[in-house]
């Protein structure tokens, strides 16, 4: 080999080694830092269950996910405090308020009467989605306001599930704002993580739940109507739907007092009454903290509720407390569950003992199931007709509980959901964990 060629080879080798060394130094020094690559430290918001702790939310906050306004980001997090305004007076930095007393339930027609504690309709859920700057890449964390119960946060979870939000994008902060404050204090997180009085400034999104529609409306199966619940009880009484180990269960979760009157075939009516303690422990004056999944399963098994059940139907008084059972079964355990939205307020109002609001015979919840000697209700309903406003036209028209026209909420919501999505535009604005656009 000539001396000229050898020199040229040495120059090329030296240049190559220099390039490798520079690359190595770059990778070792700052090539993966957030300064050079803003997305390098971003992780997804995938979690083992929908229940998260304060440390997980802090991690997402530190990563810049909370109220992130990068239009290209798939790692946005919105924190929603579900409580009355008074319990939002101090809140997690960057959290927005969903007023539990005015924005979570509404009066709607179903069956032969209106009821005051029904699922939000399409325009109402979209108003919240836009208000909170939610889009398809948003992970939503529901928290309970300081000192407030966690049932309404669970109701918000149920509402968003019903309207098509995937479970992977919905989270529930265990212990709410109280747990955040206690964890921040115990771990010396510092003043920037303390509960704040400052509400974030957020630019509304243009996203609609209609964008979730891709040919399926199975999300609406999470909710049962009065007609569907009556039909279910009739089928159980007739023996065509089983309540054995692999059959269905009906869960009465009305509170700490054992009910003496309840929907026929209810699983918990003969056992220990349901309480928040079925799922959680309640620190004095603070939001409850969910027990671990094994403890919850052990408690549910005593009422015959297991992973083998084909479906679990839950109800309470108004549909709010039953949302806790829905969240536990759907969000934590991943078991099948449907919530009877009207719950006892609606069921007891559809009884034959009503006077001014007496419904037609086919709809009476204390009547005998067709072809059987079993009542649809165990015990005697004595305060019927107090929670509904009877619609005379519907009462005369719908002579069958299975008339599809009488499932008005389902019909309205499906029509809205399938009516065509909108294009989401992402606004720019201030960034960081305490405010921003979307």
Protein backbone atom coordinates (compact mmCIF):
# COMPACT_ATOMS: atom_id res chain seq x y z
CA UNK A 1 0.00 0.00 0.00
CA UNK A 2 1.40 3.42 -0.95
CA UNK A 3 2.24 6.02 1.69
CA UNK A 4 -0.35 8.38 0.15
CA UNK A 5 -3.16 5.85 0.51
CA UNK A 6 -2.11 5.03 4.10
CA UNK A 7 -2.21 8.71 5.07
CA UNK A 8 -5.67 9.07 3.53
CA UNK A 9 -6.88 6.00 5.43
CA UNK A 10 -5.54 7.36 8.74
CA UNK A 11 -7.35 10.66 8.12
CA UNK A 12 -10.64 8.86 7.42
CA UNK A 13 -10.28 6.66 10.51
CA UNK A 14 -9.51 9.68 12.68
CA UNK A 15 -12.53 11.51 11.31
CA UNK A 16 -14.75 8.49 11.97
CA UNK A 17 -13.46 8.12 15.54
CA UNK A 18 -14.05 11.81 16.11
CA UNK A 19 -17.63 11.53 14.94
CA UNK A 20 -18.27 8.53 17.20
CA UNK A 21 -16.74 10.33 20.19
CA UNK A 22 -18.82 13.44 19.58
CA UNK A 23 -21.98 11.33 19.33
CA UNK A 24 -21.09 9.47 22.51
CA UNK A 25 -20.43 12.67 24.39
CA UNK A 26 -23.68 14.11 23.13
CA UNK A 27 -25.67 11.09 24.29
CA UNK A 28 -23.87 10.97 27.62
CA UNK A 29 -24.06 14.69 28.27
CA UNK A 30 -27.43 16.11 27.14
CA UNK A 31 -28.73 14.28 24.12
CA UNK A 32 -31.73 12.88 26.01
CA UNK A 33 -32.35 15.83 28.28
CA UNK A 34 -35.69 17.64 28.25
CA UNK A 35 -33.86 20.73 27.00
CA UNK A 36 -32.79 19.11 23.72
CA UNK A 37 -35.77 16.75 23.41
CA UNK A 38 -38.91 17.98 25.24
CA UNK A 39 -40.64 14.60 24.83
CA UNK A 40 -37.73 12.45 26.00
CA UNK A 41 -38.93 12.24 29.62
CA UNK A 42 -42.64 11.99 28.79
CA UNK A 43 -44.25 8.71 29.73
CA UNK A 44 -47.74 7.51 28.95
CA UNK A 45 -50.58 7.68 31.47
CA UNK A 46 -51.25 3.95 31.35
CA UNK A 47 -51.90 2.55 34.83
CA UNK A 48 -52.85 -0.84 36.28
CA UNK A 49 -56.35 0.43 37.10
CA UNK A 50 -58.28 3.68 36.88
CA UNK A 51 -57.41 4.36 40.53
CA UNK A 52 -54.21 6.39 40.98
CA UNK A 53 -52.38 7.91 43.92
CA UNK A 54 -51.05 11.42 44.52
CA UNK A 55 -47.48 10.47 43.61
CA UNK A 56 -48.59 9.36 40.14
CA UNK A 57 -50.39 12.64 39.52
CA UNK A 58 -47.33 14.56 40.74
CA UNK A 59 -45.17 12.67 38.25
CA UNK A 60 -47.49 13.67 35.42
CA UNK A 61 -47.43 17.25 36.68
CA UNK A 62 -43.61 17.25 36.80
CA UNK A 63 -43.51 15.90 33.26
CA UNK A 64 -45.57 18.87 32.07
CA UNK A 65 -48.66 16.86 31.21
CA UNK A 66 -51.19 18.78 33.34
CA UNK A 67 -52.92 21.35 31.11
CA UNK A 68 -50.26 20.77 28.47
CA UNK A 69 -51.04 23.01 25.48
CA UNK A 70 -48.76 21.39 22.90
CA UNK A 71 -51.06 20.60 19.94
CA UNK A 72 -48.89 17.64 18.95
CA UNK A 73 -48.82 16.05 22.40
CA UNK A 74 -50.59 12.82 23.20
CA UNK A 75 -49.77 13.22 26.88
CA UNK A 76 -52.28 15.77 28.12
CA UNK A 77 -53.77 15.54 31.60
CA UNK A 78 -56.74 17.49 32.92
CA UNK A 79 -57.54 17.40 36.64
CA UNK A 80 -61.20 17.90 37.55
CA UNK A 81 -62.31 18.52 41.13
CA UNK A 82 -65.89 17.24 41.54
CA UNK A 83 -67.51 19.06 44.44
CA UNK A 84 -69.52 22.13 45.42
CA UNK A 85 -67.68 25.42 44.86
CA UNK A 86 -66.97 25.72 48.60
CA UNK A 87 -64.85 22.57 48.57
CA UNK A 88 -62.89 23.91 45.61
CA UNK A 89 -61.80 27.00 47.56
CA UNK A 90 -58.39 25.38 47.83
CA UNK A 91 -57.54 22.71 45.29
CA UNK A 92 -54.75 20.84 43.52
CA UNK A 93 -52.69 23.20 41.31
CA UNK A 94 -54.15 23.24 37.81
CA UNK A 95 -57.41 21.53 38.79
CA UNK A 96 -60.71 22.75 37.38
CA UNK A 97 -64.14 22.62 39.06
CA UNK A 98 -67.08 20.44 38.09
CA UNK A 99 -69.93 21.56 40.31
CA UNK A 100 -71.44 18.41 41.78
CA UNK A 101 -74.61 20.23 42.81
CA UNK A 102 -75.49 21.69 39.41
CA UNK A 103 -73.45 20.17 36.55
CA UNK A 104 -73.62 16.42 37.10
CA UNK A 105 -77.32 15.46 36.96
CA UNK A 106 -80.36 16.68 35.06
CA UNK A 107 -84.12 16.19 34.75
CA UNK A 108 -85.06 14.08 31.72
CA UNK A 109 -88.02 12.12 30.42
CA UNK A 110 -87.82 8.35 30.63
CA UNK A 111 -90.61 5.81 30.38
CA UNK A 112 -93.80 7.62 31.37
CA UNK A 113 -92.36 10.38 33.56
CA UNK A 114 -89.49 12.77 34.09
CA UNK A 115 -86.93 12.10 36.81
CA UNK A 116 -84.57 14.69 38.33
CA UNK A 117 -81.32 12.72 38.68
CA UNK A 118 -80.69 11.41 35.20
CA UNK A 119 -77.62 11.10 32.98
CA UNK A 120 -76.40 14.28 31.26
CA UNK A 121 -77.55 14.64 27.67
CA UNK A 122 -75.20 15.09 24.71
CA UNK A 123 -75.09 18.87 24.63
CA UNK A 124 -74.45 19.00 28.39
CA UNK A 125 -71.52 16.56 28.33
CA UNK A 126 -70.05 18.38 25.34
CA UNK A 127 -70.32 21.68 27.20
CA UNK A 128 -68.18 20.18 29.98
CA UNK A 129 -65.72 18.62 27.54
CA UNK A 130 -65.17 21.98 25.85
CA UNK A 131 -65.08 23.91 29.13
CA UNK A 132 -62.35 21.67 30.56
CA UNK A 133 -60.30 21.77 27.34
CA UNK A 134 -60.59 18.03 26.74
CA UNK A 135 -59.68 16.41 23.44
CA UNK A 136 -59.07 12.86 22.22
CA UNK A 137 -55.54 12.83 23.68
CA UNK A 138 -56.60 13.95 27.15
CA UNK A 139 -56.34 11.81 30.26
CA UNK A 140 -58.86 13.00 32.84
CA UNK A 141 -58.18 12.73 36.57
CA UNK A 142 -61.25 13.08 38.80
CA UNK A 143 -60.67 14.24 42.36
CA UNK A 144 -62.97 15.00 45.28
CA UNK A 145 -62.75 18.46 46.81
CA UNK A 146 -61.14 18.79 50.22
CA UNK A 147 -63.44 17.36 52.89
CA UNK A 148 -66.00 16.19 50.32
CA UNK A 149 -67.22 12.64 49.68
CA UNK A 150 -65.98 10.75 46.64
CA UNK A 151 -69.32 9.52 45.29
CA UNK A 152 -69.76 12.47 42.94
CA UNK A 153 -66.29 11.98 41.47
CA UNK A 154 -67.36 8.39 40.77
CA UNK A 155 -70.54 9.73 39.16
CA UNK A 156 -68.39 11.86 36.87
CA UNK A 157 -66.34 8.76 35.97
CA UNK A 158 -69.55 6.86 35.13
CA UNK A 159 -70.86 9.78 33.06
CA UNK A 160 -67.72 9.99 30.93
CA UNK A 161 -67.62 6.20 30.47
CA UNK A 162 -71.23 6.25 29.29
CA UNK A 163 -70.41 8.95 26.76
CA UNK A 164 -67.65 6.92 25.14
CA UNK A 165 -64.43 7.87 26.93
CA UNK A 166 -62.11 4.83 27.08
CA UNK A 167 -61.26 3.61 30.56
CA UNK A 168 -57.55 4.10 29.83
CA UNK A 169 -58.18 7.86 29.65
CA UNK A 170 -60.13 8.15 32.92
CA UNK A 171 -58.48 8.18 36.35
CA UNK A 172 -59.71 8.59 39.92
CA UNK A 173 -57.42 10.17 42.52
CA UNK A 174 -57.57 7.97 45.61
CA UNK A 175 -58.42 10.09 48.64
CA UNK A 176 -59.00 13.23 46.55
CA UNK A 177 -57.57 16.62 47.45
CA UNK A 178 -57.13 15.53 51.08
CA UNK A 179 -54.79 12.72 50.05
CA UNK A 180 -52.86 15.07 47.77
CA UNK A 181 -52.34 17.53 50.62
CA UNK A 182 -51.36 14.82 53.11
CA UNK A 183 -48.90 13.21 50.67
CA UNK A 184 -47.35 16.56 49.75
CA UNK A 185 -46.82 17.40 53.42
CA UNK A 186 -45.44 13.98 54.34
CA UNK A 187 -42.93 14.05 51.48
CA UNK A 188 -41.97 17.73 51.67
CA UNK A 189 -42.98 18.44 48.09
CA UNK A 190 -42.77 22.18 48.63
CA UNK A 191 -44.97 25.21 48.22
CA UNK A 192 -45.56 24.81 44.49
CA UNK A 193 -47.51 21.60 45.16
CA UNK A 194 -49.63 22.98 47.99
CA UNK A 195 -53.38 23.33 47.53
CA UNK A 196 -54.05 26.66 45.88
CA UNK A 197 -56.83 29.22 45.59
CA UNK A 198 -55.86 30.05 41.99
CA UNK A 199 -58.16 28.65 39.31
CA UNK A 200 -56.41 27.84 36.02
CA UNK A 201 -57.14 29.87 32.90
CA UNK A 202 -58.07 27.38 30.20
CA UNK A 203 -59.01 28.00 26.58
CA UNK A 204 -62.01 25.82 25.65
CA UNK A 205 -61.58 22.99 23.17
CA UNK A 206 -63.86 22.20 20.24
CA UNK A 207 -63.94 18.46 20.88
CA UNK A 208 -67.24 16.54 20.95
CA UNK A 209 -68.14 13.10 22.27
CA UNK A 210 -69.45 12.51 18.75
CA UNK A 211 -65.82 12.03 17.73
CA UNK A 212 -65.77 8.76 19.66
CA UNK A 213 -68.38 7.17 17.42
CA UNK A 214 -66.81 4.67 15.03
CA UNK A 215 -69.82 2.45 14.38
CA UNK A 216 -70.37 1.13 17.92
CA UNK A 217 -72.74 2.36 20.63
CA UNK A 218 -71.88 -0.30 23.24
CA UNK A 219 -70.84 2.46 25.66
CA UNK A 220 -74.53 3.05 26.33
CA UNK A 221 -74.80 -0.46 27.81
CA UNK A 222 -73.29 0.90 31.03
CA UNK A 223 -76.65 2.46 31.89
CA UNK A 224 -80.08 0.86 32.45
CA UNK A 225 -83.46 2.55 32.08
CA UNK A 226 -86.61 1.97 34.14
CA UNK A 227 -88.08 -0.19 31.35
CA UNK A 228 -84.94 -2.30 31.10
CA UNK A 229 -84.81 -2.78 34.87
CA UNK A 230 -88.45 -3.85 35.02
CA UNK A 231 -87.84 -6.31 32.18
CA UNK A 232 -84.76 -7.69 33.96
CA UNK A 233 -86.70 -8.36 37.18
CA UNK A 234 -89.51 -9.99 35.20
CA UNK A 235 -87.02 -12.28 33.44
CA UNK A 236 -85.33 -13.26 36.71
CA UNK A 237 -88.73 -14.02 38.26
CA UNK A 238 -89.69 -16.06 35.20
CA UNK A 239 -86.43 -18.02 35.37
CA UNK A 240 -85.12 -16.95 31.97
CA UNK A 241 -82.27 -14.94 33.54
CA UNK A 242 -80.27 -16.70 36.23
CA UNK A 243 -78.77 -15.27 39.42
CA UNK A 244 -76.49 -18.23 40.13
CA UNK A 245 -72.69 -18.14 40.28
CA UNK A 246 -72.35 -17.25 36.61
CA UNK A 247 -75.61 -15.34 36.31
CA UNK A 248 -76.46 -11.73 37.11
CA UNK A 249 -76.63 -9.84 40.38
CA UNK A 250 -78.58 -6.76 41.49
CA UNK A 251 -76.74 -4.65 44.07
CA UNK A 252 -78.62 -2.32 46.41
CA UNK A 253 -76.06 0.22 47.66
CA UNK A 254 -78.31 2.79 49.32
CA UNK A 255 -76.24 3.29 52.46
CA UNK A 256 -75.64 2.23 56.02
CA UNK A 257 -79.24 1.24 56.89
CA UNK A 258 -80.36 -2.20 55.78
CA UNK A 259 -83.34 -1.62 53.43
CA UNK A 260 -86.64 -3.33 54.18
CA UNK A 261 -88.07 -2.50 50.76
CA UNK A 262 -85.98 -3.13 47.67
CA UNK A 263 -86.01 -4.29 44.05
CA UNK A 264 -86.87 -7.97 43.89
CA UNK A 265 -83.86 -10.33 43.66
CA UNK A 266 -81.44 -7.75 45.08
CA UNK A 267 -78.22 -9.42 46.19
CA UNK A 268 -77.29 -7.23 49.14
CA UNK A 269 -80.72 -6.85 50.70
CA UNK A 270 -80.36 -9.91 52.93
CA UNK A 271 -76.78 -9.26 53.96
CA UNK A 272 -74.76 -6.59 55.68
CA UNK A 273 -75.85 -3.17 54.41
CA UNK A 274 -73.60 -1.45 51.94
CA UNK A 275 -71.62 1.49 53.24
CA UNK A 276 -68.67 3.45 51.94
CA UNK A 277 -66.70 1.08 54.17
CA UNK A 278 -67.53 -1.72 51.75
CA UNK A 279 -64.92 -0.22 49.44
CA UNK A 280 -62.95 2.25 51.53
CA UNK A 281 -61.80 3.66 54.83
CA UNK A 282 -62.88 7.15 55.81
CA UNK A 283 -60.39 9.34 57.72
CA UNK A 284 -62.16 11.75 60.07
CA UNK A 285 -63.29 14.82 58.17
CA UNK A 286 -61.55 13.75 54.96
CA UNK A 287 -62.35 12.08 51.66
CA UNK A 288 -62.46 8.30 51.78
CA UNK A 289 -59.55 6.16 50.58
CA UNK A 290 -60.26 2.98 48.62
CA UNK A 291 -59.11 -0.31 50.04
CA UNK A 292 -56.84 -2.55 47.99
CA UNK A 293 -58.49 -4.72 45.36
CA UNK A 294 -58.08 -7.98 47.31
CA UNK A 295 -59.94 -6.55 50.32
CA UNK A 296 -62.69 -5.23 48.08
CA UNK A 297 -63.06 -8.61 46.36
CA UNK A 298 -63.26 -10.38 49.73
CA UNK A 299 -66.08 -8.09 50.83
CA UNK A 300 -67.99 -8.47 47.57
CA UNK A 301 -67.74 -12.25 47.70
CA UNK A 302 -69.73 -12.25 50.96
CA UNK A 303 -72.65 -10.81 48.96
CA UNK A 304 -72.25 -13.27 46.10
CA UNK A 305 -70.53 -10.79 43.81
CA UNK A 306 -67.57 -12.42 42.08
CA UNK A 307 -65.57 -12.19 38.85
CA UNK A 308 -67.70 -15.05 37.48
CA UNK A 309 -70.89 -13.00 37.35
CA UNK A 310 -72.04 -12.26 33.80
CA UNK A 311 -73.35 -8.84 34.84
CA UNK A 312 -73.78 -6.78 38.01
CA UNK A 313 -76.58 -4.21 38.11
CA UNK A 314 -76.20 -1.53 40.76
CA UNK A 315 -78.61 1.06 42.14
CA UNK A 316 -78.90 3.40 45.12
CA UNK A 317 -81.29 6.27 45.89
CA UNK A 318 -80.41 8.74 43.15
CA UNK A 319 -77.74 7.03 41.03
CA UNK A 320 -74.83 8.86 42.67
CA UNK A 321 -73.81 6.42 45.39
CA UNK A 322 -74.29 3.53 42.96
CA UNK A 323 -71.62 5.16 40.81
CA UNK A 324 -69.10 4.10 43.47
CA UNK A 325 -70.01 0.47 42.89
CA UNK A 326 -69.77 1.13 39.16
CA UNK A 327 -66.29 2.61 39.53
CA UNK A 328 -65.08 -0.22 41.78
CA UNK A 329 -66.30 -2.92 39.42
CA UNK A 330 -65.35 -1.20 36.17
CA UNK A 331 -62.37 0.98 37.08
CA UNK A 332 -60.60 -1.10 39.74
CA UNK A 333 -61.64 -4.73 39.24
CA UNK A 334 -62.57 -4.76 35.56
CA UNK A 335 -65.77 -6.75 36.18
CA UNK A 336 -68.97 -6.27 34.14
CA UNK A 337 -71.36 -3.66 35.56
CA UNK A 338 -74.40 -1.64 34.56
CA UNK A 339 -75.88 1.20 36.61
CA UNK A 340 -79.64 1.59 36.93
CA UNK A 341 -79.65 5.36 36.63
CA UNK A 342 -83.11 6.18 37.99
CA UNK A 343 -82.41 4.06 41.07
CA UNK A 344 -84.77 3.94 44.04
CA UNK A 345 -86.15 7.47 43.63
CA UNK A 346 -87.51 6.47 40.23
CA UNK A 347 -88.37 2.87 41.07
CA UNK A 348 -90.39 3.71 44.18
CA UNK A 349 -92.23 6.48 42.31
CA UNK A 350 -93.51 3.98 39.73
CA UNK A 351 -95.59 2.09 42.33
CA UNK A 352 -99.33 1.38 42.33
CA UNK A 353 -99.75 3.25 45.63
CA UNK A 354 -99.10 6.61 44.01
CA UNK A 355 -102.01 9.02 43.66
CA UNK A 356 -101.25 12.15 41.60
CA UNK A 357 -98.36 10.47 39.77
CA UNK A 358 -99.77 6.98 39.37
CA UNK A 359 -98.26 5.21 36.37
CA UNK A 360 -100.03 2.77 34.05
CA UNK A 361 -100.32 -0.81 35.31
CA UNK A 362 -97.62 -2.24 33.05
CA UNK A 363 -95.04 0.11 34.57
CA UNK A 364 -95.89 -0.38 38.24
CA UNK A 365 -92.80 -1.56 40.10
CA UNK A 366 -94.75 -3.19 42.93
CA UNK A 367 -96.99 -5.15 40.53
CA UNK A 368 -96.67 -8.88 39.92
CA UNK A 369 -94.35 -9.96 37.13
CA UNK A 370 -96.33 -11.21 34.14
CA UNK A 371 -97.07 -14.92 34.40
CA UNK A 372 -95.52 -15.36 37.86
CA UNK A 373 -96.54 -15.02 41.48
CA UNK A 374 -93.53 -12.86 42.30
CA UNK A 375 -93.63 -9.14 42.90
CA UNK A 376 -91.16 -6.80 41.24
CA UNK A 377 -90.49 -5.23 44.64
CA UNK A 378 -89.83 -6.86 48.02
CA UNK A 379 -91.72 -5.07 50.76
CA UNK A 380 -94.35 -2.35 50.57
CA UNK A 381 -93.69 0.99 48.89
CA UNK A 382 -95.57 3.64 50.87
CA UNK A 383 -94.14 6.94 49.54
CA UNK A 384 -94.69 6.48 45.81
CA UNK A 385 -94.95 9.26 43.26
CA UNK A 386 -92.78 11.83 45.01
CA UNK A 387 -89.74 11.90 42.72
CA UNK A 388 -91.26 11.97 39.23
CA UNK A 389 -93.48 14.18 37.09
CA UNK A 390 -95.91 12.00 35.18
CA UNK A 391 -96.35 12.64 31.46
CA UNK A 392 -100.03 11.83 30.68
CA UNK A 393 -99.39 11.30 26.95
CA UNK A 394 -96.57 8.81 27.55
CA UNK A 395 -98.53 7.15 30.33
CA UNK A 396 -101.39 6.48 27.93
CA UNK A 397 -99.22 5.63 24.93
CA UNK A 398 -96.63 3.24 26.33
CA UNK A 399 -98.56 0.17 27.42
CA UNK A 400 -95.49 -2.06 27.32
CA UNK A 401 -92.24 -1.72 29.26
CA UNK A 402 -90.36 -3.02 26.23
CA UNK A 403 -91.72 -0.38 23.85
CA UNK A 404 -88.47 0.96 22.34
CA UNK A 405 -89.96 4.46 22.13
CA UNK A 406 -90.18 4.52 25.93
CA UNK A 407 -86.41 4.37 26.32
CA UNK A 408 -86.20 8.07 25.51
CA UNK A 409 -82.82 8.83 27.08
CA UNK A 410 -81.10 6.01 25.21
CA UNK A 411 -82.76 7.04 21.95
CA UNK A 412 -81.82 10.70 22.37
CA UNK A 413 -78.24 9.97 23.39
CA UNK A 414 -77.62 7.49 20.58
CA UNK A 415 -79.00 9.96 18.06
CA UNK A 416 -76.67 12.67 19.37
CA UNK A 417 -73.64 10.39 19.60
CA UNK A 418 -73.98 9.10 16.05
CA UNK A 419 -74.83 12.45 14.42
CA UNK A 420 -71.30 13.21 13.22
CA UNK A 421 -68.16 14.46 14.93
CA UNK A 422 -66.42 17.77 14.73
CA UNK A 423 -62.86 18.68 13.93
CA UNK A 424 -60.91 19.53 17.05
CA UNK A 425 -58.64 22.54 16.86
CA UNK A 426 -56.09 22.91 19.58
CA UNK A 427 -55.69 26.35 21.05
CA UNK A 428 -52.43 27.77 22.23
CA UNK A 429 -51.96 29.69 25.41
CA UNK A 430 -50.09 29.77 28.65
CA UNK A 431 -48.46 26.49 29.60
CA UNK A 432 -47.50 24.74 32.78
CA UNK A 433 -49.40 22.93 35.45
CA UNK A 434 -51.64 25.77 36.56
CA UNK A 435 -53.21 27.02 33.38
CA UNK A 436 -53.09 27.06 29.61
CA UNK A 437 -55.00 26.46 26.52
CA UNK A 438 -55.62 23.09 25.04
